[in-house]
């Protein structure tokens, strides 16, 4: 290109620059606000709480990775909102034997910039402290929900699993399945508890395949719904890893008074004892909730609900 062409191009660029309107800060801010409102991705960190607007009132909900897509509220919030229960409900009991009444209603709420119509649940108790209710990542109206644990480190790898969808109900929870010890096990995450918590069937499965024994006194574990459940620590003779990450401490959800077929390190077996086991025809249900011990090297857990997948970014 000759010098005259370069000078001509420079002059044209100068004229176009002068013809452009001056940048309006207010207009730019408005454009950024519109972009934020149309964003379908949300990143949560810290205590993973966020505001929700219900009937013109603002409340705080915790987004728990292992919670349901249907929010569960404290009784006090339901009373404040004057929620009237629909025809669907039920009753239950706590570990202490207290009767719990469960109520539900279709409501309209707004999580951040996303409006959502959904069924909400509440009981006659206040189970949550510091926030008004809990909901899973599948229930807040965003396509992508990212739980940030800490800043990413160089060299992290991405681990991806497809989420499990239920007929008629879709993504009830952000759960995936994988093969562990020859069985398909449902897996999700709890970002507030260090231990990995498994049900009794999975505890027996792990004990059989990894040389596990129950050890120590019962420990009380808080579940996503505000309920407390007893468990026993399961000590494995061989390490358990998933996707190359060590699972860490494992606890089994069993009642302290219950008889278990898992060996117990605190009980000396009686050679004359006759043990009777039931012949159950129903196939066991296997489930595991991985805790933060497992996620110690992971900077984030991201649920892509449109792609129906979960991705971990880990070293």
C-alpha atoms as a PDB file:
ATOM      1  CA  UNK A   1       0.000   0.000   0.000  1.00  0.00           C
ATOM      2  CA  UNK A   2       1.448   3.426  -0.976  1.00  0.00           C
ATOM      3  CA  UNK A   3       1.714   6.468   1.251  1.00  0.00           C
ATOM      4  CA  UNK A   4      -1.252   8.285  -0.370  1.00  0.00           C
ATOM      5  CA  UNK A   5      -3.537   5.305   0.333  1.00  0.00           C
ATOM      6  CA  UNK A   6      -2.410   5.208   3.951  1.00  0.00           C
ATOM      7  CA  UNK A   7      -3.082   8.949   4.395  1.00  0.00           C
ATOM      8  CA  UNK A   8      -6.519   8.550   2.769  1.00  0.00           C
ATOM      9  CA  UNK A   9      -7.418   5.647   5.029  1.00  0.00           C
ATOM     10  CA  UNK A  10      -6.322   7.593   8.097  1.00  0.00           C
ATOM     11  CA  UNK A  11      -8.411  10.602   7.079  1.00  0.00           C
ATOM     12  CA  UNK A  12     -11.523   8.460   6.528  1.00  0.00           C
ATOM     13  CA  UNK A  13     -11.080   6.843   9.957  1.00  0.00           C
ATOM     14  CA  UNK A  14     -10.810  10.288  11.554  1.00  0.00           C
ATOM     15  CA  UNK A  15     -13.997  11.466   9.824  1.00  0.00           C
ATOM     16  CA  UNK A  16     -15.909   8.346  10.893  1.00  0.00           C
ATOM     17  CA  UNK A  17     -14.737   8.810  14.482  1.00  0.00           C
ATOM     18  CA  UNK A  18     -15.950  12.432  14.502  1.00  0.00           C
ATOM     19  CA  UNK A  19     -19.294  11.330  13.037  1.00  0.00           C
ATOM     20  CA  UNK A  20     -19.942   8.841  15.810  1.00  0.00           C
ATOM     21  CA  UNK A  21     -22.131  10.127  18.683  1.00  0.00           C
ATOM     22  CA  UNK A  22     -20.476  10.706  22.022  1.00  0.00           C
ATOM     23  CA  UNK A  23     -20.804   7.833  24.499  1.00  0.00           C
ATOM     24  CA  UNK A  24     -23.740   8.374  26.811  1.00  0.00           C
ATOM     25  CA  UNK A  25     -22.915   6.865  30.241  1.00  0.00           C
ATOM     26  CA  UNK A  26     -26.603   6.616  31.150  1.00  0.00           C
ATOM     27  CA  UNK A  27     -27.385   4.771  27.918  1.00  0.00           C
ATOM     28  CA  UNK A  28     -24.477   2.404  28.502  1.00  0.00           C
ATOM     29  CA  UNK A  29     -25.675   1.672  32.041  1.00  0.00           C
ATOM     30  CA  UNK A  30     -29.200   1.019  30.743  1.00  0.00           C
ATOM     31  CA  UNK A  31     -27.833  -1.348  28.121  1.00  0.00           C
ATOM     32  CA  UNK A  32     -25.828  -3.223  30.767  1.00  0.00           C
ATOM     33  CA  UNK A  33     -28.931  -3.467  32.946  1.00  0.00           C
ATOM     34  CA  UNK A  34     -30.964  -4.872  30.048  1.00  0.00           C
ATOM     35  CA  UNK A  35     -28.208  -7.400  29.365  1.00  0.00           C
ATOM     36  CA  UNK A  36     -28.236  -8.465  33.007  1.00  0.00           C
ATOM     37  CA  UNK A  37     -32.007  -8.911  32.961  1.00  0.00           C
ATOM     38  CA  UNK A  38     -31.855 -11.166  29.916  1.00  0.00           C
ATOM     39  CA  UNK A  39     -28.921 -13.153  31.279  1.00  0.00           C
ATOM     40  CA  UNK A  40     -29.737 -16.805  31.795  1.00  0.00           C
ATOM     41  CA  UNK A  41     -26.681 -17.552  33.928  1.00  0.00           C
ATOM     42  CA  UNK A  42     -26.315 -16.912  37.639  1.00  0.00           C
ATOM     43  CA  UNK A  43     -23.230 -17.381  39.802  1.00  0.00           C
ATOM     44  CA  UNK A  44     -23.659 -17.970  43.524  1.00  0.00           C
ATOM     45  CA  UNK A  45     -20.935 -17.891  46.154  1.00  0.00           C
ATOM     46  CA  UNK A  46     -20.486 -17.470  49.897  1.00  0.00           C
ATOM     47  CA  UNK A  47     -23.525 -18.913  51.628  1.00  0.00           C
ATOM     48  CA  UNK A  48     -25.337 -19.445  48.276  1.00  0.00           C
ATOM     49  CA  UNK A  49     -28.356 -17.365  49.287  1.00  0.00           C
ATOM     50  CA  UNK A  50     -30.278 -14.974  47.040  1.00  0.00           C
ATOM     51  CA  UNK A  51     -33.334 -12.704  47.286  1.00  0.00           C
ATOM     52  CA  UNK A  52     -36.755 -13.765  46.092  1.00  0.00           C
ATOM     53  CA  UNK A  53     -39.820 -11.539  45.719  1.00  0.00           C
ATOM     54  CA  UNK A  54     -43.137 -13.153  46.662  1.00  0.00           C
ATOM     55  CA  UNK A  55     -46.435 -11.275  46.722  1.00  0.00           C
ATOM     56  CA  UNK A  56     -44.491  -8.005  46.731  1.00  0.00           C
ATOM     57  CA  UNK A  57     -42.396  -9.054  49.730  1.00  0.00           C
ATOM     58  CA  UNK A  58     -38.681  -9.796  49.595  1.00  0.00           C
ATOM     59  CA  UNK A  59     -37.363 -12.919  51.295  1.00  0.00           C
ATOM     60  CA  UNK A  60     -34.066 -14.810  51.257  1.00  0.00           C
ATOM     61  CA  UNK A  61     -33.704 -18.359  49.983  1.00  0.00           C
ATOM     62  CA  UNK A  62     -30.730 -20.660  50.065  1.00  0.00           C
ATOM     63  CA  UNK A  63     -29.963 -22.421  46.796  1.00  0.00           C
ATOM     64  CA  UNK A  64     -28.785 -25.884  47.846  1.00  0.00           C
ATOM     65  CA  UNK A  65     -27.206 -28.148  45.248  1.00  0.00           C
ATOM     66  CA  UNK A  66     -29.021 -31.221  46.621  1.00  0.00           C
ATOM     67  CA  UNK A  67     -32.442 -29.581  47.145  1.00  0.00           C
ATOM     68  CA  UNK A  68     -35.678 -30.045  45.192  1.00  0.00           C
ATOM     69  CA  UNK A  69     -36.939 -27.819  42.392  1.00  0.00           C
ATOM     70  CA  UNK A  70     -39.906 -27.036  44.654  1.00  0.00           C
ATOM     71  CA  UNK A  71     -38.932 -24.439  47.298  1.00  0.00           C
ATOM     72  CA  UNK A  72     -39.524 -25.227  50.955  1.00  0.00           C
ATOM     73  CA  UNK A  73     -40.340 -22.238  53.181  1.00  0.00           C
ATOM     74  CA  UNK A  74     -40.414 -21.571  56.879  1.00  0.00           C
ATOM     75  CA  UNK A  75     -43.867 -21.495  58.443  1.00  0.00           C
ATOM     76  CA  UNK A  76     -43.324 -17.837  59.427  1.00  0.00           C
ATOM     77  CA  UNK A  77     -42.823 -16.799  55.782  1.00  0.00           C
ATOM     78  CA  UNK A  78     -45.947 -18.666  54.669  1.00  0.00           C
ATOM     79  CA  UNK A  79     -47.892 -16.878  57.401  1.00  0.00           C
ATOM     80  CA  UNK A  80     -46.449 -13.486  56.436  1.00  0.00           C
ATOM     81  CA  UNK A  81     -47.401 -14.084  52.791  1.00  0.00           C
ATOM     82  CA  UNK A  82     -50.842 -15.384  53.838  1.00  0.00           C
ATOM     83  CA  UNK A  83     -50.360 -18.527  51.733  1.00  0.00           C
ATOM     84  CA  UNK A  84     -53.428 -20.756  51.592  1.00  0.00           C
ATOM     85  CA  UNK A  85     -52.731 -24.408  51.020  1.00  0.00           C
ATOM     86  CA  UNK A  86     -54.006 -26.154  47.926  1.00  0.00           C
ATOM     87  CA  UNK A  87     -55.359 -29.732  47.866  1.00  0.00           C
ATOM     88  CA  UNK A  88     -51.906 -31.334  47.890  1.00  0.00           C
ATOM     89  CA  UNK A  89     -50.282 -31.849  51.258  1.00  0.00           C
ATOM     90  CA  UNK A  90     -49.412 -34.471  53.831  1.00  0.00           C
ATOM     91  CA  UNK A  91     -48.094 -35.258  57.278  1.00  0.00           C
ATOM     92  CA  UNK A  92     -44.878 -36.672  58.655  1.00  0.00           C
ATOM     93  CA  UNK A  93     -42.810 -37.044  61.797  1.00  0.00           C
ATOM     94  CA  UNK A  94     -39.427 -35.771  62.897  1.00  0.00           C
ATOM     95  CA  UNK A  95     -36.747 -38.003  64.390  1.00  0.00           C
ATOM     96  CA  UNK A  96     -38.036 -36.882  67.788  1.00  0.00           C
ATOM     97  CA  UNK A  97     -41.576 -38.026  66.934  1.00  0.00           C
ATOM     98  CA  UNK A  98     -43.030 -34.534  66.438  1.00  0.00           C
ATOM     99  CA  UNK A  99     -45.848 -34.419  63.888  1.00  0.00           C
ATOM    100  CA  UNK A 100     -45.193 -32.253  60.850  1.00  0.00           C
ATOM    101  CA  UNK A 101     -47.911 -30.928  58.547  1.00  0.00           C
ATOM    102  CA  UNK A 102     -46.855 -30.314  54.954  1.00  0.00           C
ATOM    103  CA  UNK A 103     -48.749 -27.808  52.803  1.00  0.00           C
ATOM    104  CA  UNK A 104     -48.303 -26.623  49.214  1.00  0.00           C
ATOM    105  CA  UNK A 105     -49.528 -24.029  46.733  1.00  0.00           C
ATOM    106  CA  UNK A 106     -48.719 -22.802  43.218  1.00  0.00           C
ATOM    107  CA  UNK A 107     -47.132 -19.352  43.567  1.00  0.00           C
ATOM    108  CA  UNK A 108     -45.360 -16.746  41.431  1.00  0.00           C
ATOM    109  CA  UNK A 109     -41.945 -15.584  42.542  1.00  0.00           C
ATOM    110  CA  UNK A 110     -38.979 -13.696  41.176  1.00  0.00           C
ATOM    111  CA  UNK A 111     -35.441 -14.980  41.722  1.00  0.00           C
ATOM    112  CA  UNK A 112     -33.165 -12.073  40.874  1.00  0.00           C
ATOM    113  CA  UNK A 113     -34.225 -11.110  37.357  1.00  0.00           C
ATOM    114  CA  UNK A 114     -36.113 -14.356  36.665  1.00  0.00           C
ATOM    115  CA  UNK A 115     -39.840 -14.716  37.272  1.00  0.00           C
ATOM    116  CA  UNK A 116     -41.083 -18.237  37.897  1.00  0.00           C
ATOM    117  CA  UNK A 117     -44.402 -19.937  38.592  1.00  0.00           C
ATOM    118  CA  UNK A 118     -43.940 -23.050  40.696  1.00  0.00           C
ATOM    119  CA  UNK A 119     -45.291 -25.180  43.492  1.00  0.00           C
ATOM    120  CA  UNK A 120     -43.995 -24.189  46.916  1.00  0.00           C
ATOM    121  CA  UNK A 121     -43.978 -26.286  50.077  1.00  0.00           C
ATOM    122  CA  UNK A 122     -44.031 -25.306  53.738  1.00  0.00           C
ATOM    123  CA  UNK A 123     -44.630 -26.995  57.069  1.00  0.00           C
ATOM    124  CA  UNK A 124     -45.880 -25.917  60.477  1.00  0.00           C
ATOM    125  CA  UNK A 125     -42.264 -25.431  61.601  1.00  0.00           C
ATOM    126  CA  UNK A 126     -39.417 -22.980  61.106  1.00  0.00           C
ATOM    127  CA  UNK A 127     -36.602 -25.289  60.037  1.00  0.00           C
ATOM    128  CA  UNK A 128     -34.242 -22.656  58.577  1.00  0.00           C
ATOM    129  CA  UNK A 129     -32.177 -20.046  60.399  1.00  0.00           C
ATOM    130  CA  UNK A 130     -30.628 -17.088  58.599  1.00  0.00           C
ATOM    131  CA  UNK A 131     -32.814 -17.501  55.512  1.00  0.00           C
ATOM    132  CA  UNK A 132     -36.509 -18.106  54.797  1.00  0.00           C
ATOM    133  CA  UNK A 133     -36.408 -21.226  52.665  1.00  0.00           C
ATOM    134  CA  UNK A 134     -34.406 -23.529  50.442  1.00  0.00           C
ATOM    135  CA  UNK A 135     -34.629 -24.458  46.753  1.00  0.00           C
ATOM    136  CA  UNK A 136     -32.505 -26.479  44.337  1.00  0.00           C
ATOM    137  CA  UNK A 137     -30.676 -25.104  41.276  1.00  0.00           C
ATOM    138  CA  UNK A 138     -33.369 -26.673  39.081  1.00  0.00           C
ATOM    139  CA  UNK A 139     -36.029 -24.430  40.624  1.00  0.00           C
ATOM    140  CA  UNK A 140     -34.836 -20.819  40.242  1.00  0.00           C
ATOM    141  CA  UNK A 141     -35.513 -20.215  36.538  1.00  0.00           C
ATOM    142  CA  UNK A 142     -31.950 -19.906  35.224  1.00  0.00           C
ATOM    143  CA  UNK A 143     -30.473 -22.049  32.453  1.00  0.00           C
ATOM    144  CA  UNK A 144     -27.024 -22.147  34.045  1.00  0.00           C
ATOM    145  CA  UNK A 145     -26.449 -22.105  37.806  1.00  0.00           C
ATOM    146  CA  UNK A 146     -22.825 -21.925  38.940  1.00  0.00           C
ATOM    147  CA  UNK A 147     -21.757 -22.482  42.536  1.00  0.00           C
ATOM    148  CA  UNK A 148     -18.388 -20.770  42.946  1.00  0.00           C
ATOM    149  CA  UNK A 149     -16.302 -22.208  45.772  1.00  0.00           C
ATOM    150  CA  UNK A 150     -13.105 -20.247  45.161  1.00  0.00           C
ATOM    151  CA  UNK A 151     -11.079 -18.702  42.345  1.00  0.00           C
ATOM    152  CA  UNK A 152     -10.012 -21.187  39.661  1.00  0.00           C
ATOM    153  CA  UNK A 153      -6.422 -22.427  39.631  1.00  0.00           C
ATOM    154  CA  UNK A 154      -4.240 -22.928  36.539  1.00  0.00           C
ATOM    155  CA  UNK A 155      -4.525 -26.383  35.010  1.00  0.00           C
ATOM    156  CA  UNK A 156      -8.025 -27.240  36.217  1.00  0.00           C
ATOM    157  CA  UNK A 157      -9.880 -29.954  34.304  1.00  0.00           C
ATOM    158  CA  UNK A 158     -13.594 -30.164  33.591  1.00  0.00           C
ATOM    159  CA  UNK A 159     -15.550 -33.221  34.752  1.00  0.00           C
ATOM    160  CA  UNK A 160     -19.027 -33.530  33.206  1.00  0.00           C
ATOM    161  CA  UNK A 161     -21.979 -35.819  33.895  1.00  0.00           C
ATOM    162  CA  UNK A 162     -25.522 -35.871  32.441  1.00  0.00           C
ATOM    163  CA  UNK A 163     -28.264 -35.017  34.929  1.00  0.00           C
ATOM    164  CA  UNK A 164     -31.043 -37.496  35.646  1.00  0.00           C
ATOM    165  CA  UNK A 165     -34.517 -36.465  34.495  1.00  0.00           C
ATOM    166  CA  UNK A 166     -37.708 -38.019  35.885  1.00  0.00           C
ATOM    167  CA  UNK A 167     -40.784 -38.828  33.756  1.00  0.00           C
ATOM    168  CA  UNK A 168     -43.461 -36.104  34.010  1.00  0.00           C
ATOM    169  CA  UNK A 169     -41.404 -34.130  36.573  1.00  0.00           C
ATOM    170  CA  UNK A 170     -38.187 -33.395  34.651  1.00  0.00           C
ATOM    171  CA  UNK A 171     -35.165 -32.314  36.692  1.00  0.00           C
ATOM    172  CA  UNK A 172     -36.556 -32.675  40.200  1.00  0.00           C
ATOM    173  CA  UNK A 173     -33.053 -32.541  41.669  1.00  0.00           C
ATOM    174  CA  UNK A 174     -29.614 -31.924  40.188  1.00  0.00           C
ATOM    175  CA  UNK A 175     -28.679 -35.604  40.386  1.00  0.00           C
ATOM    176  CA  UNK A 176     -26.594 -37.748  38.081  1.00  0.00           C
ATOM    177  CA  UNK A 177     -25.941 -41.481  37.991  1.00  0.00           C
ATOM    178  CA  UNK A 178     -22.699 -43.390  37.800  1.00  0.00           C
ATOM    179  CA  UNK A 179     -21.528 -46.948  38.311  1.00  0.00           C
ATOM    180  CA  UNK A 180     -19.962 -47.635  41.687  1.00  0.00           C
ATOM    181  CA  UNK A 181     -19.037 -51.169  42.767  1.00  0.00           C
ATOM    182  CA  UNK A 182     -21.084 -52.603  39.904  1.00  0.00           C
ATOM    183  CA  UNK A 183     -24.319 -50.730  40.724  1.00  0.00           C
ATOM    184  CA  UNK A 184     -25.931 -47.561  39.389  1.00  0.00           C
ATOM    185  CA  UNK A 185     -25.784 -44.967  42.164  1.00  0.00           C
ATOM    186  CA  UNK A 186     -27.571 -41.609  42.209  1.00  0.00           C
ATOM    187  CA  UNK A 187     -25.086 -38.841  43.068  1.00  0.00           C
ATOM    188  CA  UNK A 188     -25.504 -35.197  44.061  1.00  0.00           C
ATOM    189  CA  UNK A 189     -23.621 -32.590  46.110  1.00  0.00           C
ATOM    190  CA  UNK A 190     -23.917 -30.853  49.454  1.00  0.00           C
ATOM    191  CA  UNK A 191     -21.787 -27.690  49.567  1.00  0.00           C
ATOM    192  CA  UNK A 192     -22.142 -27.109  53.329  1.00  0.00           C
ATOM    193  CA  UNK A 193     -21.088 -30.467  54.766  1.00  0.00           C
ATOM    194  CA  UNK A 194     -17.598 -31.978  54.665  1.00  0.00           C
ATOM    195  CA  UNK A 195     -18.629 -35.639  54.859  1.00  0.00           C
ATOM    196  CA  UNK A 196     -20.124 -37.625  52.011  1.00  0.00           C
ATOM    197  CA  UNK A 197     -23.472 -39.019  53.166  1.00  0.00           C
ATOM    198  CA  UNK A 198     -24.935 -42.268  51.782  1.00  0.00           C
ATOM    199  CA  UNK A 199     -28.113 -44.213  52.463  1.00  0.00           C
ATOM    200  CA  UNK A 200     -28.007 -47.624  54.154  1.00  0.00           C
ATOM    201  CA  UNK A 201     -28.064 -49.617  50.893  1.00  0.00           C
ATOM    202  CA  UNK A 202     -25.101 -47.680  49.526  1.00  0.00           C
ATOM    203  CA  UNK A 203     -23.286 -48.031  52.834  1.00  0.00           C
ATOM    204  CA  UNK A 204     -23.627 -51.815  52.593  1.00  0.00           C
ATOM    205  CA  UNK A 205     -22.490 -51.721  48.956  1.00  0.00           C
ATOM    206  CA  UNK A 206     -19.361 -49.718  49.851  1.00  0.00           C
ATOM    207  CA  UNK A 207     -18.631 -51.857  52.910  1.00  0.00           C
ATOM    208  CA  UNK A 208     -18.758 -55.045  50.834  1.00  0.00           C
ATOM    209  CA  UNK A 209     -16.537 -53.734  48.031  1.00  0.00           C
ATOM    210  CA  UNK A 210     -14.106 -51.485  49.911  1.00  0.00           C
ATOM    211  CA  UNK A 211     -13.777 -53.325  53.211  1.00  0.00           C
ATOM    212  CA  UNK A 212     -15.840 -50.901  55.277  1.00  0.00           C
ATOM    213  CA  UNK A 213     -16.819 -50.950  58.946  1.00  0.00           C
ATOM    214  CA  UNK A 214     -18.965 -48.595  61.000  1.00  0.00           C
ATOM    215  CA  UNK A 215     -16.975 -46.726  63.617  1.00  0.00           C
ATOM    216  CA  UNK A 216     -17.523 -44.268  66.437  1.00  0.00           C
ATOM    217  CA  UNK A 217     -20.626 -42.789  67.997  1.00  0.00           C
ATOM    218  CA  UNK A 218     -23.633 -41.626  65.947  1.00  0.00           C
ATOM    219  CA  UNK A 219     -23.264 -38.175  64.399  1.00  0.00           C
ATOM    220  CA  UNK A 220     -26.136 -35.832  63.542  1.00  0.00           C
ATOM    221  CA  UNK A 221     -26.136 -34.517  59.972  1.00  0.00           C
ATOM    222  CA  UNK A 222     -28.210 -31.611  58.663  1.00  0.00           C
ATOM    223  CA  UNK A 223     -30.039 -32.254  55.404  1.00  0.00           C
ATOM    224  CA  UNK A 224     -30.965 -29.630  52.795  1.00  0.00           C
ATOM    225  CA  UNK A 225     -34.549 -29.432  54.088  1.00  0.00           C
ATOM    226  CA  UNK A 226     -33.498 -28.371  57.561  1.00  0.00           C
ATOM    227  CA  UNK A 227     -34.016 -31.817  59.066  1.00  0.00           C
ATOM    228  CA  UNK A 228     -31.372 -33.540  61.161  1.00  0.00           C
ATOM    229  CA  UNK A 229     -30.620 -37.215  60.653  1.00  0.00           C
ATOM    230  CA  UNK A 230     -28.285 -39.561  62.554  1.00  0.00           C
ATOM    231  CA  UNK A 231     -25.430 -41.309  60.802  1.00  0.00           C
ATOM    232  CA  UNK A 232     -22.405 -43.473  61.498  1.00  0.00           C
ATOM    233  CA  UNK A 233     -18.928 -42.952  60.092  1.00  0.00           C
ATOM    234  CA  UNK A 234     -17.975 -45.649  57.556  1.00  0.00           C
ATOM    235  CA  UNK A 235     -14.243 -46.402  57.576  1.00  0.00           C
ATOM    236  CA  UNK A 236     -13.070 -48.008  54.326  1.00  0.00           C
ATOM    237  CA  UNK A 237     -10.038 -50.270  54.087  1.00  0.00           C
ATOM    238  CA  UNK A 238      -9.460 -49.223  50.481  1.00  0.00           C
ATOM    239  CA  UNK A 239      -9.758 -45.634  49.234  1.00  0.00           C
ATOM    240  CA  UNK A 240     -12.846 -44.628  47.297  1.00  0.00           C
ATOM    241  CA  UNK A 241     -12.377 -42.173  44.452  1.00  0.00           C
ATOM    242  CA  UNK A 242     -14.810 -40.836  41.856  1.00  0.00           C
ATOM    243  CA  UNK A 243     -13.517 -39.275  38.636  1.00  0.00           C
ATOM    244  CA  UNK A 244     -10.029 -39.382  40.122  1.00  0.00           C
ATOM    245  CA  UNK A 245     -11.005 -37.371  43.225  1.00  0.00           C
ATOM    246  CA  UNK A 246     -10.808 -38.868  46.713  1.00  0.00           C
ATOM    247  CA  UNK A 247     -14.247 -38.971  48.339  1.00  0.00           C
ATOM    248  CA  UNK A 248     -12.913 -38.406  51.852  1.00  0.00           C
ATOM    249  CA  UNK A 249     -14.960 -39.208  54.952  1.00  0.00           C
ATOM    250  CA  UNK A 250     -18.122 -41.235  54.408  1.00  0.00           C
ATOM    251  CA  UNK A 251     -21.110 -41.504  56.748  1.00  0.00           C
ATOM    252  CA  UNK A 252     -24.114 -43.824  56.506  1.00  0.00           C
ATOM    253  CA  UNK A 253     -27.633 -42.622  57.289  1.00  0.00           C
ATOM    254  CA  UNK A 254     -28.914 -45.201  59.762  1.00  0.00           C
ATOM    255  CA  UNK A 255     -30.736 -44.943  63.060  1.00  0.00           C
ATOM    256  CA  UNK A 256     -28.483 -45.562  66.060  1.00  0.00           C
ATOM    257  CA  UNK A 257     -30.804 -48.284  67.372  1.00  0.00           C
ATOM    258  CA  UNK A 258     -31.134 -50.032  64.010  1.00  0.00           C
ATOM    259  CA  UNK A 259     -29.484 -53.357  63.313  1.00  0.00           C
ATOM    260  CA  UNK A 260     -27.207 -53.141  60.304  1.00  0.00           C
ATOM    261  CA  UNK A 261     -25.600 -55.788  58.120  1.00  0.00           C
ATOM    262  CA  UNK A 262     -22.539 -53.512  57.826  1.00  0.00           C
ATOM    263  CA  UNK A 263     -19.716 -54.667  60.138  1.00  0.00           C
ATOM    264  CA  UNK A 264     -19.393 -52.491  63.247  1.00  0.00           C
ATOM    265  CA  UNK A 265     -15.938 -51.872  64.706  1.00  0.00           C
ATOM    266  CA  UNK A 266     -17.445 -51.030  68.109  1.00  0.00           C
ATOM    267  CA  UNK A 267     -19.248 -54.381  68.539  1.00  0.00           C
ATOM    268  CA  UNK A 268     -17.489 -57.647  69.381  1.00  0.00           C
ATOM    269  CA  UNK A 269     -19.355 -60.402  67.492  1.00  0.00           C
ATOM    270  CA  UNK A 270     -20.829 -63.263  69.484  1.00  0.00           C
ATOM    271  CA  UNK A 271     -19.986 -66.572  67.752  1.00  0.00           C
ATOM    272  CA  UNK A 272     -23.124 -68.193  69.219  1.00  0.00           C
ATOM    273  CA  UNK A 273     -25.445 -65.424  67.996  1.00  0.00           C
ATOM    274  CA  UNK A 274     -27.956 -66.360  65.327  1.00  0.00           C
ATOM    275  CA  UNK A 275     -28.447 -63.575  62.802  1.00  0.00           C
ATOM    276  CA  UNK A 276     -31.649 -63.591  60.761  1.00  0.00           C
ATOM    277  CA  UNK A 277     -31.758 -61.508  57.579  1.00  0.00           C
ATOM    278  CA  UNK A 278     -34.828 -60.727  55.505  1.00  0.00           C
ATOM    279  CA  UNK A 279     -35.051 -61.865  51.900  1.00  0.00           C
ATOM    280  CA  UNK A 280     -36.035 -58.607  50.253  1.00  0.00           C
ATOM    281  CA  UNK A 281     -37.337 -58.865  46.716  1.00  0.00           C
ATOM    282  CA  UNK A 282     -37.288 -55.119  46.123  1.00  0.00           C
ATOM    283  CA  UNK A 283     -34.113 -53.860  44.489  1.00  0.00           C
ATOM    284  CA  UNK A 284     -32.163 -51.513  46.765  1.00  0.00           C
ATOM    285  CA  UNK A 285     -31.998 -47.808  45.985  1.00  0.00           C
ATOM    286  CA  UNK A 286     -28.470 -46.442  45.955  1.00  0.00           C
ATOM    287  CA  UNK A 287     -27.748 -42.788  46.639  1.00  0.00           C
ATOM    288  CA  UNK A 288     -24.703 -40.734  47.605  1.00  0.00           C
ATOM    289  CA  UNK A 289     -24.409 -37.023  48.439  1.00  0.00           C
ATOM    290  CA  UNK A 290     -20.812 -35.906  47.989  1.00  0.00           C
ATOM    291  CA  UNK A 291     -19.559 -33.348  50.508  1.00  0.00           C
ATOM    292  CA  UNK A 292     -16.920 -30.637  50.390  1.00  0.00           C
ATOM    293  CA  UNK A 293     -14.130 -33.102  51.258  1.00  0.00           C
ATOM    294  CA  UNK A 294     -14.655 -34.488  47.763  1.00  0.00           C
ATOM    295  CA  UNK A 295     -14.766 -30.985  46.242  1.00  0.00           C
ATOM    296  CA  UNK A 296     -11.657 -29.671  48.023  1.00  0.00           C
ATOM    297  CA  UNK A 297      -9.758 -29.194  44.742  1.00  0.00           C
ATOM    298  CA  UNK A 298     -12.777 -27.916  42.763  1.00  0.00           C
ATOM    299  CA  UNK A 299     -13.313 -24.209  42.208  1.00  0.00           C
ATOM    300  CA  UNK A 300     -16.885 -24.478  40.949  1.00  0.00           C
ATOM    301  CA  UNK A 301     -19.854 -26.749  40.306  1.00  0.00           C
ATOM    302  CA  UNK A 302     -21.936 -25.665  37.305  1.00  0.00           C
ATOM    303  CA  UNK A 303     -25.379 -26.970  36.400  1.00  0.00           C
ATOM    304  CA  UNK A 304     -26.376 -26.432  32.763  1.00  0.00           C
ATOM    305  CA  UNK A 305     -30.070 -27.193  32.964  1.00  0.00           C
ATOM    306  CA  UNK A 306     -30.740 -26.659  29.264  1.00  0.00           C
ATOM    307  CA  UNK A 307     -28.022 -29.175  28.372  1.00  0.00           C
ATOM    308  CA  UNK A 308     -29.039 -31.244  31.449  1.00  0.00           C
ATOM    309  CA  UNK A 309     -25.479 -31.653  32.647  1.00  0.00           C
ATOM    310  CA  UNK A 310     -23.267 -30.824  35.615  1.00  0.00           C
ATOM    311  CA  UNK A 311     -19.641 -29.763  35.242  1.00  0.00           C
ATOM    312  CA  UNK A 312     -16.960 -29.638  37.936  1.00  0.00           C
ATOM    313  CA  UNK A 313     -13.830 -27.535  37.467  1.00  0.00           C
ATOM    314  CA  UNK A 314     -11.117 -29.240  39.490  1.00  0.00           C
ATOM    315  CA  UNK A 315      -7.385 -29.764  39.728  1.00  0.00           C
END
